[in-house]
């Protein structure tokens, strides 16, 4: 039988816990994250309250390569190759020749760019101020091309610009073109108008009235509305129909977006090139004793064809031909 003295004392050991310092690196990471997040929200707030021109300028700044910016070149790199002037093979000069040819294309001056941006802004403001035109802003696209400022009027399934298969203009497009006309007069630049269709063809294909005629008729219908709106007719340099041959990038040929009218405010150099496309190789002049327009009556004893002379079957006469 155990007694009270036989019991072992219960010993409780209490260890002292010492908290070690874990460092403050997490605080630095959190501070960096909060700073970046605040900067992001600040940039988003500034962009949301900026004008369209300011946002375009910021985008153009960040898309301009450093070397191009330092040399006051174009806003985009001329060559897509990593090696300057390279092409597929850096040992050849093919890529360098392509770069030289591209740089010879006309470049707009800063004054011309400002004039085009100002025209775009005025057109957008005129649309916003007209209650009947507010809903069609998404059917307009502005971009700078090698020919000049291109204004594209795009079709929409819910709001077509023309009657199906016809050049009859919708009333809202009439209003839009007549609103733009006096604004286009403010610039001395010439204009080019081109009509485009989708790939939906007529039953007789290209044998009769086709998309070629339709696109041309729609371009001319737009021209008439611009003139009725006050556009100076002398500013119109080119009116063309492109049928369905020029497809909008990223779209199929049968997409309704390809039914469009394109107005191009031409650079002066491009307008001059259209007026004077270059000197063609001079034709060989006929001999002094044989004029091309001379008509000679055929006699029964003459052969059916004389060397250097073409037969006119409709009149029974022959005319001289030069080669």
C-alpha atoms as a PDB file:
ATOM      1  CA  UNK A   1       0.000   0.000   0.000  1.00  0.00           C
ATOM      2  CA  UNK A   2       1.478   3.259  -1.142  1.00  0.00           C
ATOM      3  CA  UNK A   3       1.713   6.190   1.103  1.00  0.00           C
ATOM      4  CA  UNK A   4       1.667   9.893   0.501  1.00  0.00           C
ATOM      5  CA  UNK A   5       5.472  10.060   0.638  1.00  0.00           C
ATOM      6  CA  UNK A   6       5.854   7.497  -2.159  1.00  0.00           C
ATOM      7  CA  UNK A   7       4.248   9.793  -4.753  1.00  0.00           C
ATOM      8  CA  UNK A   8       6.608  11.556  -7.126  1.00  0.00           C
ATOM      9  CA  UNK A   9       6.173  15.284  -7.384  1.00  0.00           C
ATOM     10  CA  UNK A  10       4.699  16.544 -10.651  1.00  0.00           C
ATOM     11  CA  UNK A  11       7.113  18.909 -12.300  1.00  0.00           C
ATOM     12  CA  UNK A  12       5.717  21.314 -14.912  1.00  0.00           C
ATOM     13  CA  UNK A  13       8.266  22.858 -17.183  1.00  0.00           C
ATOM     14  CA  UNK A  14       7.251  26.089 -18.886  1.00  0.00           C
ATOM     15  CA  UNK A  15       9.381  27.074 -21.803  1.00  0.00           C
ATOM     16  CA  UNK A  16       9.797  30.708 -22.568  1.00  0.00           C
ATOM     17  CA  UNK A  17       8.777  31.427 -26.125  1.00  0.00           C
ATOM     18  CA  UNK A  18      10.994  33.979 -27.817  1.00  0.00           C
ATOM     19  CA  UNK A  19       9.425  35.657 -30.896  1.00  0.00           C
ATOM     20  CA  UNK A  20      12.030  36.104 -33.559  1.00  0.00           C
ATOM     21  CA  UNK A  21      11.921  39.017 -36.010  1.00  0.00           C
ATOM     22  CA  UNK A  22      10.745  37.822 -39.455  1.00  0.00           C
ATOM     23  CA  UNK A  23      11.876  40.890 -41.417  1.00  0.00           C
ATOM     24  CA  UNK A  24       9.894  43.640 -43.226  1.00  0.00           C
ATOM     25  CA  UNK A  25      10.210  42.534 -46.877  1.00  0.00           C
ATOM     26  CA  UNK A  26       6.482  41.853 -47.079  1.00  0.00           C
ATOM     27  CA  UNK A  27       5.816  45.456 -46.131  1.00  0.00           C
ATOM     28  CA  UNK A  28       7.946  46.661 -49.037  1.00  0.00           C
ATOM     29  CA  UNK A  29       6.140  44.354 -51.461  1.00  0.00           C
ATOM     30  CA  UNK A  30       2.761  45.562 -50.179  1.00  0.00           C
ATOM     31  CA  UNK A  31       3.815  49.195 -50.477  1.00  0.00           C
ATOM     32  CA  UNK A  32       4.985  48.624 -54.080  1.00  0.00           C
ATOM     33  CA  UNK A  33       1.725  46.909 -54.942  1.00  0.00           C
ATOM     34  CA  UNK A  34      -0.373  49.706 -53.451  1.00  0.00           C
ATOM     35  CA  UNK A  35       1.692  52.341 -55.256  1.00  0.00           C
ATOM     36  CA  UNK A  36       1.303  50.578 -58.611  1.00  0.00           C
ATOM     37  CA  UNK A  37      -2.427  50.137 -58.019  1.00  0.00           C
ATOM     38  CA  UNK A  38      -2.832  53.818 -57.189  1.00  0.00           C
ATOM     39  CA  UNK A  39      -0.878  54.783 -60.305  1.00  0.00           C
ATOM     40  CA  UNK A  40      -3.090  52.517 -62.430  1.00  0.00           C
ATOM     41  CA  UNK A  41      -6.288  54.106 -61.136  1.00  0.00           C
ATOM     42  CA  UNK A  42      -4.780  57.556 -61.600  1.00  0.00           C
ATOM     43  CA  UNK A  43      -3.919  56.824 -65.251  1.00  0.00           C
ATOM     44  CA  UNK A  44      -7.394  55.395 -65.890  1.00  0.00           C
ATOM     45  CA  UNK A  45      -9.005  58.477 -64.364  1.00  0.00           C
ATOM     46  CA  UNK A  46      -6.876  60.837 -66.479  1.00  0.00           C
ATOM     47  CA  UNK A  47      -7.628  58.923 -69.696  1.00  0.00           C
ATOM     48  CA  UNK A  48     -11.345  58.845 -68.991  1.00  0.00           C
ATOM     49  CA  UNK A  49     -11.416  62.623 -68.619  1.00  0.00           C
ATOM     50  CA  UNK A  50      -9.143  63.348 -71.615  1.00  0.00           C
ATOM     51  CA  UNK A  51     -10.234  64.245 -75.111  1.00  0.00           C
ATOM     52  CA  UNK A  52      -9.988  61.895 -78.081  1.00  0.00           C
ATOM     53  CA  UNK A  53      -7.044  63.822 -79.534  1.00  0.00           C
ATOM     54  CA  UNK A  54      -5.108  63.519 -76.269  1.00  0.00           C
ATOM     55  CA  UNK A  55      -5.665  59.767 -76.123  1.00  0.00           C
ATOM     56  CA  UNK A  56      -4.554  59.408 -79.746  1.00  0.00           C
ATOM     57  CA  UNK A  57      -1.421  61.404 -78.988  1.00  0.00           C
ATOM     58  CA  UNK A  58      -0.594  59.198 -76.000  1.00  0.00           C
ATOM     59  CA  UNK A  59      -1.174  56.049 -78.066  1.00  0.00           C
ATOM     60  CA  UNK A  60       1.000  57.404 -80.871  1.00  0.00           C
ATOM     61  CA  UNK A  61       3.756  58.234 -78.365  1.00  0.00           C
ATOM     62  CA  UNK A  62       3.906  54.713 -76.969  1.00  0.00           C
ATOM     63  CA  UNK A  63       3.708  53.101 -80.420  1.00  0.00           C
ATOM     64  CA  UNK A  64       6.618  55.128 -81.814  1.00  0.00           C
ATOM     65  CA  UNK A  65       9.974  53.305 -81.720  1.00  0.00           C
ATOM     66  CA  UNK A  66      12.715  55.223 -79.920  1.00  0.00           C
ATOM     67  CA  UNK A  67      14.998  55.385 -82.954  1.00  0.00           C
ATOM     68  CA  UNK A  68      12.158  56.628 -85.147  1.00  0.00           C
ATOM     69  CA  UNK A  69      11.219  59.289 -82.613  1.00  0.00           C
ATOM     70  CA  UNK A  70      14.819  60.516 -82.299  1.00  0.00           C
ATOM     71  CA  UNK A  71      15.159  60.813 -86.079  1.00  0.00           C
ATOM     72  CA  UNK A  72      11.768  62.525 -86.439  1.00  0.00           C
ATOM     73  CA  UNK A  73      10.493  59.721 -88.648  1.00  0.00           C
ATOM     74  CA  UNK A  74       7.144  58.068 -89.088  1.00  0.00           C
ATOM     75  CA  UNK A  75       5.023  57.039 -86.121  1.00  0.00           C
ATOM     76  CA  UNK A  76       5.412  53.384 -87.045  1.00  0.00           C
ATOM     77  CA  UNK A  77       8.428  51.303 -87.864  1.00  0.00           C
ATOM     78  CA  UNK A  78       9.105  51.111 -91.568  1.00  0.00           C
ATOM     79  CA  UNK A  79      10.363  47.544 -91.558  1.00  0.00           C
ATOM     80  CA  UNK A  80       8.797  44.710 -89.551  1.00  0.00           C
ATOM     81  CA  UNK A  81      12.145  42.915 -89.367  1.00  0.00           C
ATOM     82  CA  UNK A  82      14.210  42.987 -86.187  1.00  0.00           C
ATOM     83  CA  UNK A  83      17.444  43.491 -88.102  1.00  0.00           C
ATOM     84  CA  UNK A  84      17.442  47.012 -89.628  1.00  0.00           C
ATOM     85  CA  UNK A  85      16.952  46.783 -93.360  1.00  0.00           C
ATOM     86  CA  UNK A  86      17.072  43.021 -93.123  1.00  0.00           C
ATOM     87  CA  UNK A  87      14.297  41.130 -94.817  1.00  0.00           C
ATOM     88  CA  UNK A  88      14.240  37.337 -94.528  1.00  0.00           C
ATOM     89  CA  UNK A  89      17.977  37.100 -95.140  1.00  0.00           C
ATOM     90  CA  UNK A  90      20.168  39.721 -93.397  1.00  0.00           C
ATOM     91  CA  UNK A  91      22.883  39.162 -96.003  1.00  0.00           C
ATOM     92  CA  UNK A  92      20.715  40.505 -98.838  1.00  0.00           C
ATOM     93  CA  UNK A  93      19.690  44.074 -99.620  1.00  0.00           C
ATOM     94  CA  UNK A  94      16.097  43.255-100.567  1.00  0.00           C
ATOM     95  CA  UNK A  95      14.747  44.526 -97.271  1.00  0.00           C
ATOM     96  CA  UNK A  96      16.756  47.746 -97.537  1.00  0.00           C
ATOM     97  CA  UNK A  97      15.328  48.440-100.999  1.00  0.00           C
ATOM     98  CA  UNK A  98      11.824  47.924 -99.630  1.00  0.00           C
ATOM     99  CA  UNK A  99      12.547  50.421 -96.873  1.00  0.00           C
ATOM    100  CA  UNK A 100      13.772  53.028 -99.333  1.00  0.00           C
ATOM    101  CA  UNK A 101      10.692  52.610-101.523  1.00  0.00           C
ATOM    102  CA  UNK A 102       8.406  52.971 -98.512  1.00  0.00           C
ATOM    103  CA  UNK A 103      10.129  56.123 -97.323  1.00  0.00           C
ATOM    104  CA  UNK A 104       9.596  57.717-100.739  1.00  0.00           C
ATOM    105  CA  UNK A 105       5.844  57.671-100.157  1.00  0.00           C
ATOM    106  CA  UNK A 106       4.280  61.037 -99.296  1.00  0.00           C
ATOM    107  CA  UNK A 107       4.329  62.009 -95.653  1.00  0.00           C
ATOM    108  CA  UNK A 108       1.928  64.496 -94.129  1.00  0.00           C
ATOM    109  CA  UNK A 109       3.416  67.516 -92.448  1.00  0.00           C
ATOM    110  CA  UNK A 110       2.524  68.374 -88.872  1.00  0.00           C
ATOM    111  CA  UNK A 111       0.374  71.232 -90.150  1.00  0.00           C
ATOM    112  CA  UNK A 112      -1.488  68.829 -92.438  1.00  0.00           C
ATOM    113  CA  UNK A 113      -1.994  66.371 -89.579  1.00  0.00           C
ATOM    114  CA  UNK A 114      -3.415  69.108 -87.372  1.00  0.00           C
ATOM    115  CA  UNK A 115      -5.746  70.236 -90.154  1.00  0.00           C
ATOM    116  CA  UNK A 116      -7.017  66.682 -90.632  1.00  0.00           C
ATOM    117  CA  UNK A 117      -7.505  66.153 -86.892  1.00  0.00           C
ATOM    118  CA  UNK A 118      -9.367  69.430 -86.683  1.00  0.00           C
ATOM    119  CA  UNK A 119     -11.624  68.381 -89.575  1.00  0.00           C
ATOM    120  CA  UNK A 120     -12.351  65.057 -87.885  1.00  0.00           C
ATOM    121  CA  UNK A 121     -13.181  66.791 -84.608  1.00  0.00           C
ATOM    122  CA  UNK A 122     -15.531  69.255 -86.324  1.00  0.00           C
ATOM    123  CA  UNK A 123     -17.350  66.457 -88.156  1.00  0.00           C
ATOM    124  CA  UNK A 124     -17.786  64.541 -84.906  1.00  0.00           C
ATOM    125  CA  UNK A 125     -19.069  67.639 -83.136  1.00  0.00           C
ATOM    126  CA  UNK A 126     -21.552  68.354 -85.930  1.00  0.00           C
ATOM    127  CA  UNK A 127     -22.869  64.798 -85.652  1.00  0.00           C
ATOM    128  CA  UNK A 128     -23.199  65.028 -81.873  1.00  0.00           C
ATOM    129  CA  UNK A 129     -25.119  68.289 -82.118  1.00  0.00           C
ATOM    130  CA  UNK A 130     -27.633  66.884 -84.614  1.00  0.00           C
ATOM    131  CA  UNK A 131     -30.224  64.670 -82.844  1.00  0.00           C
ATOM    132  CA  UNK A 132     -30.949  62.786 -86.069  1.00  0.00           C
ATOM    133  CA  UNK A 133     -27.290  61.813 -86.517  1.00  0.00           C
ATOM    134  CA  UNK A 134     -26.214  60.884 -82.990  1.00  0.00           C
ATOM    135  CA  UNK A 135     -26.912  57.195 -83.489  1.00  0.00           C
ATOM    136  CA  UNK A 136     -24.665  56.783 -86.531  1.00  0.00           C
ATOM    137  CA  UNK A 137     -21.339  57.754 -84.975  1.00  0.00           C
ATOM    138  CA  UNK A 138     -20.338  54.071 -84.860  1.00  0.00           C
ATOM    139  CA  UNK A 139     -20.836  53.878 -88.633  1.00  0.00           C
ATOM    140  CA  UNK A 140     -18.035  56.392 -89.238  1.00  0.00           C
ATOM    141  CA  UNK A 141     -14.335  55.590 -89.191  1.00  0.00           C
ATOM    142  CA  UNK A 142     -11.451  58.021 -89.567  1.00  0.00           C
ATOM    143  CA  UNK A 143      -7.902  56.935 -90.348  1.00  0.00           C
ATOM    144  CA  UNK A 144      -4.814  58.257 -92.058  1.00  0.00           C
ATOM    145  CA  UNK A 145      -3.761  56.463 -95.226  1.00  0.00           C
ATOM    146  CA  UNK A 146      -1.047  56.991 -97.814  1.00  0.00           C
ATOM    147  CA  UNK A 147      -3.501  59.074 -99.844  1.00  0.00           C
ATOM    148  CA  UNK A 148      -4.829  61.262 -97.029  1.00  0.00           C
ATOM    149  CA  UNK A 149      -7.519  61.366 -94.380  1.00  0.00           C
ATOM    150  CA  UNK A 150     -10.000  58.572 -95.105  1.00  0.00           C
ATOM    151  CA  UNK A 151     -13.581  58.901 -93.875  1.00  0.00           C
ATOM    152  CA  UNK A 152     -15.461  55.618 -94.162  1.00  0.00           C
ATOM    153  CA  UNK A 153     -19.261  55.525 -94.015  1.00  0.00           C
ATOM    154  CA  UNK A 154     -20.125  51.940 -93.119  1.00  0.00           C
ATOM    155  CA  UNK A 155     -23.392  50.145 -93.735  1.00  0.00           C
ATOM    156  CA  UNK A 156     -25.407  48.455 -91.004  1.00  0.00           C
ATOM    157  CA  UNK A 157     -27.989  45.686 -91.233  1.00  0.00           C
ATOM    158  CA  UNK A 158     -30.350  47.589 -88.939  1.00  0.00           C
ATOM    159  CA  UNK A 159     -29.633  50.936 -90.599  1.00  0.00           C
ATOM    160  CA  UNK A 160     -28.716  50.451 -94.286  1.00  0.00           C
ATOM    161  CA  UNK A 161     -27.330  53.424 -96.188  1.00  0.00           C
ATOM    162  CA  UNK A 162     -28.859  52.416 -99.519  1.00  0.00           C
ATOM    163  CA  UNK A 163     -31.847  50.410-100.654  1.00  0.00           C
ATOM    164  CA  UNK A 164     -31.007  46.784-101.462  1.00  0.00           C
ATOM    165  CA  UNK A 165     -29.354  46.563-104.880  1.00  0.00           C
ATOM    166  CA  UNK A 166     -29.994  50.250-105.546  1.00  0.00           C
ATOM    167  CA  UNK A 167     -28.313  53.643-105.293  1.00  0.00           C
ATOM    168  CA  UNK A 168     -31.314  55.180-103.499  1.00  0.00           C
ATOM    169  CA  UNK A 169     -29.815  56.923-100.451  1.00  0.00           C
ATOM    170  CA  UNK A 170     -31.386  56.630 -97.016  1.00  0.00           C
ATOM    171  CA  UNK A 171     -32.542  59.974 -95.534  1.00  0.00           C
ATOM    172  CA  UNK A 172     -30.066  59.849 -92.660  1.00  0.00           C
ATOM    173  CA  UNK A 173     -27.154  59.413 -95.095  1.00  0.00           C
ATOM    174  CA  UNK A 174     -28.399  62.378 -97.094  1.00  0.00           C
ATOM    175  CA  UNK A 175     -28.398  64.446 -93.920  1.00  0.00           C
ATOM    176  CA  UNK A 176     -24.929  63.235 -92.965  1.00  0.00           C
ATOM    177  CA  UNK A 177     -23.368  64.026 -96.356  1.00  0.00           C
ATOM    178  CA  UNK A 178     -24.971  67.460 -96.507  1.00  0.00           C
ATOM    179  CA  UNK A 179     -23.728  68.178 -92.982  1.00  0.00           C
ATOM    180  CA  UNK A 180     -20.177  67.209 -93.925  1.00  0.00           C
ATOM    181  CA  UNK A 181     -20.102  69.169 -97.183  1.00  0.00           C
ATOM    182  CA  UNK A 182     -19.395  72.690 -95.822  1.00  0.00           C
ATOM    183  CA  UNK A 183     -16.795  71.294 -93.420  1.00  0.00           C
ATOM    184  CA  UNK A 184     -14.925  69.668 -96.320  1.00  0.00           C
ATOM    185  CA  UNK A 185     -14.890  73.037 -98.076  1.00  0.00           C
ATOM    186  CA  UNK A 186     -12.790  74.513 -95.269  1.00  0.00           C
ATOM    187  CA  UNK A 187      -9.715  72.620 -96.473  1.00  0.00           C
ATOM    188  CA  UNK A 188      -8.124  73.302 -99.864  1.00  0.00           C
ATOM    189  CA  UNK A 189      -7.452  69.583-100.394  1.00  0.00           C
ATOM    190  CA  UNK A 190      -9.102  67.700-103.223  1.00  0.00           C
ATOM    191  CA  UNK A 191     -11.465  64.810-102.571  1.00  0.00           C
ATOM    192  CA  UNK A 192     -11.811  61.253-103.774  1.00  0.00           C
ATOM    193  CA  UNK A 193     -15.029  59.212-103.447  1.00  0.00           C
ATOM    194  CA  UNK A 194     -15.212  55.453-103.875  1.00  0.00           C
ATOM    195  CA  UNK A 195     -18.132  53.074-103.526  1.00  0.00           C
ATOM    196  CA  UNK A 196     -17.842  49.501-102.252  1.00  0.00           C
ATOM    197  CA  UNK A 197     -20.225  46.536-102.078  1.00  0.00           C
ATOM    198  CA  UNK A 198     -20.250  43.108-100.497  1.00  0.00           C
ATOM    199  CA  UNK A 199     -19.856  39.915-102.517  1.00  0.00           C
ATOM    200  CA  UNK A 200     -23.608  39.350-102.969  1.00  0.00           C
ATOM    201  CA  UNK A 201     -23.863  39.189-106.764  1.00  0.00           C
ATOM    202  CA  UNK A 202     -26.695  39.760-109.205  1.00  0.00           C
ATOM    203  CA  UNK A 203     -28.307  36.783-110.936  1.00  0.00           C
ATOM    204  CA  UNK A 204     -26.623  37.556-114.246  1.00  0.00           C
ATOM    205  CA  UNK A 205     -23.208  37.928-112.602  1.00  0.00           C
ATOM    206  CA  UNK A 206     -20.943  40.422-114.364  1.00  0.00           C
ATOM    207  CA  UNK A 207     -22.590  40.130-117.762  1.00  0.00           C
ATOM    208  CA  UNK A 208     -25.052  42.972-117.159  1.00  0.00           C
ATOM    209  CA  UNK A 209     -25.649  45.378-114.299  1.00  0.00           C
ATOM    210  CA  UNK A 210     -23.325  44.175-111.544  1.00  0.00           C
ATOM    211  CA  UNK A 211     -21.599  45.290-108.369  1.00  0.00           C
ATOM    212  CA  UNK A 212     -19.259  47.369-110.507  1.00  0.00           C
ATOM    213  CA  UNK A 213     -22.090  49.554-111.743  1.00  0.00           C
ATOM    214  CA  UNK A 214     -23.804  49.530-108.337  1.00  0.00           C
ATOM    215  CA  UNK A 215     -20.713  50.726-106.455  1.00  0.00           C
ATOM    216  CA  UNK A 216     -20.105  53.436-109.053  1.00  0.00           C
ATOM    217  CA  UNK A 217     -23.735  54.591-108.909  1.00  0.00           C
ATOM    218  CA  UNK A 218     -23.624  54.774-105.121  1.00  0.00           C
ATOM    219  CA  UNK A 219     -20.407  56.793-105.222  1.00  0.00           C
ATOM    220  CA  UNK A 220     -22.012  59.228-107.677  1.00  0.00           C
ATOM    221  CA  UNK A 221     -25.179  59.418-105.571  1.00  0.00           C
ATOM    222  CA  UNK A 222     -22.999  60.404-102.596  1.00  0.00           C
ATOM    223  CA  UNK A 223     -21.252  62.977-104.781  1.00  0.00           C
ATOM    224  CA  UNK A 224     -24.581  64.549-105.712  1.00  0.00           C
ATOM    225  CA  UNK A 225     -25.641  64.792-102.069  1.00  0.00           C
ATOM    226  CA  UNK A 226     -22.350  66.456-101.121  1.00  0.00           C
ATOM    227  CA  UNK A 227     -22.797  69.027-103.875  1.00  0.00           C
ATOM    228  CA  UNK A 228     -26.388  69.655-102.802  1.00  0.00           C
ATOM    229  CA  UNK A 229     -25.010  70.262 -99.322  1.00  0.00           C
ATOM    230  CA  UNK A 230     -22.722  72.994-100.642  1.00  0.00           C
ATOM    231  CA  UNK A 231     -19.513  71.147-101.534  1.00  0.00           C
ATOM    232  CA  UNK A 232     -17.401  72.906-104.135  1.00  0.00           C
ATOM    233  CA  UNK A 233     -17.637  70.634-107.184  1.00  0.00           C
ATOM    234  CA  UNK A 234     -14.119  71.631-108.263  1.00  0.00           C
ATOM    235  CA  UNK A 235     -12.722  69.833-105.203  1.00  0.00           C
ATOM    236  CA  UNK A 236     -13.875  66.448-106.504  1.00  0.00           C
ATOM    237  CA  UNK A 237     -10.956  64.808-108.240  1.00  0.00           C
ATOM    238  CA  UNK A 238     -11.965  61.164-108.462  1.00  0.00           C
ATOM    239  CA  UNK A 239     -15.216  59.178-108.216  1.00  0.00           C
ATOM    240  CA  UNK A 240     -14.828  55.414-108.537  1.00  0.00           C
ATOM    241  CA  UNK A 241     -16.628  52.136-107.960  1.00  0.00           C
ATOM    242  CA  UNK A 242     -14.616  49.268-106.485  1.00  0.00           C
ATOM    243  CA  UNK A 243     -17.360  46.589-106.419  1.00  0.00           C
ATOM    244  CA  UNK A 244     -16.434  43.870-103.875  1.00  0.00           C
ATOM    245  CA  UNK A 245     -12.705  43.833-104.650  1.00  0.00           C
ATOM    246  CA  UNK A 246     -11.501  45.760-101.575  1.00  0.00           C
ATOM    247  CA  UNK A 247     -12.578  43.935 -98.415  1.00  0.00           C
ATOM    248  CA  UNK A 248     -12.420  45.520 -94.975  1.00  0.00           C
ATOM    249  CA  UNK A 249      -9.532  44.030 -92.953  1.00  0.00           C
ATOM    250  CA  UNK A 250     -10.649  41.177 -90.730  1.00  0.00           C
ATOM    251  CA  UNK A 251     -14.018  40.709 -92.438  1.00  0.00           C
ATOM    252  CA  UNK A 252     -15.478  38.266 -94.923  1.00  0.00           C
ATOM    253  CA  UNK A 253     -16.425  39.412 -98.418  1.00  0.00           C
ATOM    254  CA  UNK A 254     -20.152  38.942 -97.698  1.00  0.00           C
ATOM    255  CA  UNK A 255     -20.073  40.999 -94.487  1.00  0.00           C
ATOM    256  CA  UNK A 256     -22.447  43.997 -94.631  1.00  0.00           C
ATOM    257  CA  UNK A 257     -19.628  46.227 -93.371  1.00  0.00           C
ATOM    258  CA  UNK A 258     -18.112  46.026 -96.854  1.00  0.00           C
ATOM    259  CA  UNK A 259     -21.045  48.039 -98.210  1.00  0.00           C
ATOM    260  CA  UNK A 260     -19.492  51.426 -97.648  1.00  0.00           C
ATOM    261  CA  UNK A 261     -18.610  54.827 -99.070  1.00  0.00           C
ATOM    262  CA  UNK A 262     -15.071  56.123 -98.642  1.00  0.00           C
ATOM    263  CA  UNK A 263     -14.224  59.829 -98.775  1.00  0.00           C
ATOM    264  CA  UNK A 264     -10.517  60.628 -98.901  1.00  0.00           C
ATOM    265  CA  UNK A 265      -9.204  64.134 -98.268  1.00  0.00           C
ATOM    266  CA  UNK A 266      -6.149  63.845-100.490  1.00  0.00           C
ATOM    267  CA  UNK A 267      -2.645  65.024 -99.771  1.00  0.00           C
ATOM    268  CA  UNK A 268      -1.572  67.669-102.309  1.00  0.00           C
ATOM    269  CA  UNK A 269       1.184  65.400-103.640  1.00  0.00           C
ATOM    270  CA  UNK A 270      -1.297  62.551-104.181  1.00  0.00           C
ATOM    271  CA  UNK A 271      -3.749  64.859-105.941  1.00  0.00           C
ATOM    272  CA  UNK A 272      -0.954  66.066-108.213  1.00  0.00           C
ATOM    273  CA  UNK A 273      -0.024  62.468-109.008  1.00  0.00           C
ATOM    274  CA  UNK A 274      -3.625  61.683-109.931  1.00  0.00           C
ATOM    275  CA  UNK A 275      -3.778  64.712-112.215  1.00  0.00           C
ATOM    276  CA  UNK A 276      -0.399  63.945-113.783  1.00  0.00           C
ATOM    277  CA  UNK A 277       0.226  60.199-113.407  1.00  0.00           C
ATOM    278  CA  UNK A 278       3.563  60.431-115.158  1.00  0.00           C
ATOM    279  CA  UNK A 279       4.889  60.530-118.676  1.00  0.00           C
ATOM    280  CA  UNK A 280       4.158  57.373-120.606  1.00  0.00           C
ATOM    281  CA  UNK A 281       6.503  55.988-123.198  1.00  0.00           C
ATOM    282  CA  UNK A 282       5.988  58.066-126.368  1.00  0.00           C
ATOM    283  CA  UNK A 283       4.138  56.290-129.109  1.00  0.00           C
ATOM    284  CA  UNK A 284       5.916  55.733-132.429  1.00  0.00           C
ATOM    285  CA  UNK A 285       4.795  58.413-134.814  1.00  0.00           C
ATOM    286  CA  UNK A 286       3.556  57.390-138.283  1.00  0.00           C
ATOM    287  CA  UNK A 287       5.622  58.205-141.320  1.00  0.00           C
ATOM    288  CA  UNK A 288       5.124  61.595-142.893  1.00  0.00           C
ATOM    289  CA  UNK A 289       3.601  60.022-145.975  1.00  0.00           C
ATOM    290  CA  UNK A 290       1.135  57.938-143.985  1.00  0.00           C
ATOM    291  CA  UNK A 291      -1.155  59.494-141.370  1.00  0.00           C
ATOM    292  CA  UNK A 292      -3.084  57.298-138.976  1.00  0.00           C
ATOM    293  CA  UNK A 293      -6.343  59.121-139.550  1.00  0.00           C
ATOM    294  CA  UNK A 294      -6.169  58.931-143.349  1.00  0.00           C
ATOM    295  CA  UNK A 295      -8.951  56.810-144.852  1.00  0.00           C
ATOM    296  CA  UNK A 296      -8.261  55.177-148.220  1.00  0.00           C
ATOM    297  CA  UNK A 297     -11.058  53.811-150.342  1.00  0.00           C
ATOM    298  CA  UNK A 298     -10.750  50.155-151.230  1.00  0.00           C
ATOM    299  CA  UNK A 299     -10.721  49.242-154.882  1.00  0.00           C
ATOM    300  CA  UNK A 300     -11.640  45.796-156.176  1.00  0.00           C
ATOM    301  CA  UNK A 301      -8.090  45.015-157.303  1.00  0.00           C
ATOM    302  CA  UNK A 302      -6.544  45.827-153.922  1.00  0.00           C
ATOM    303  CA  UNK A 303      -5.661  42.914-151.625  1.00  0.00           C
ATOM    304  CA  UNK A 304      -7.764  42.267-148.535  1.00  0.00           C
ATOM    305  CA  UNK A 305      -4.970  43.480-146.255  1.00  0.00           C
ATOM    306  CA  UNK A 306      -2.013  45.726-146.962  1.00  0.00           C
ATOM    307  CA  UNK A 307       1.062  45.504-144.674  1.00  0.00           C
ATOM    308  CA  UNK A 308       0.848  48.250-142.103  1.00  0.00           C
ATOM    309  CA  UNK A 309      -2.821  48.863-142.827  1.00  0.00           C
ATOM    310  CA  UNK A 310      -5.856  47.731-140.826  1.00  0.00           C
ATOM    311  CA  UNK A 311      -9.200  46.973-142.441  1.00  0.00           C
ATOM    312  CA  UNK A 312     -12.329  48.788-141.286  1.00  0.00           C
ATOM    313  CA  UNK A 313     -15.031  46.201-141.924  1.00  0.00           C
ATOM    314  CA  UNK A 314     -17.854  48.574-141.069  1.00  0.00           C
ATOM    315  CA  UNK A 315     -17.122  51.186-143.730  1.00  0.00           C
ATOM    316  CA  UNK A 316     -15.375  49.185-146.409  1.00  0.00           C
ATOM    317  CA  UNK A 317     -12.249  51.335-146.050  1.00  0.00           C
ATOM    318  CA  UNK A 318      -8.809  50.911-144.592  1.00  0.00           C
ATOM    319  CA  UNK A 319      -6.700  53.089-142.335  1.00  0.00           C
ATOM    320  CA  UNK A 320      -2.989  53.172-141.672  1.00  0.00           C
ATOM    321  CA  UNK A 321      -1.726  51.561-138.440  1.00  0.00           C
ATOM    322  CA  UNK A 322       1.603  52.145-136.723  1.00  0.00           C
ATOM    323  CA  UNK A 323       3.353  49.572-134.540  1.00  0.00           C
END
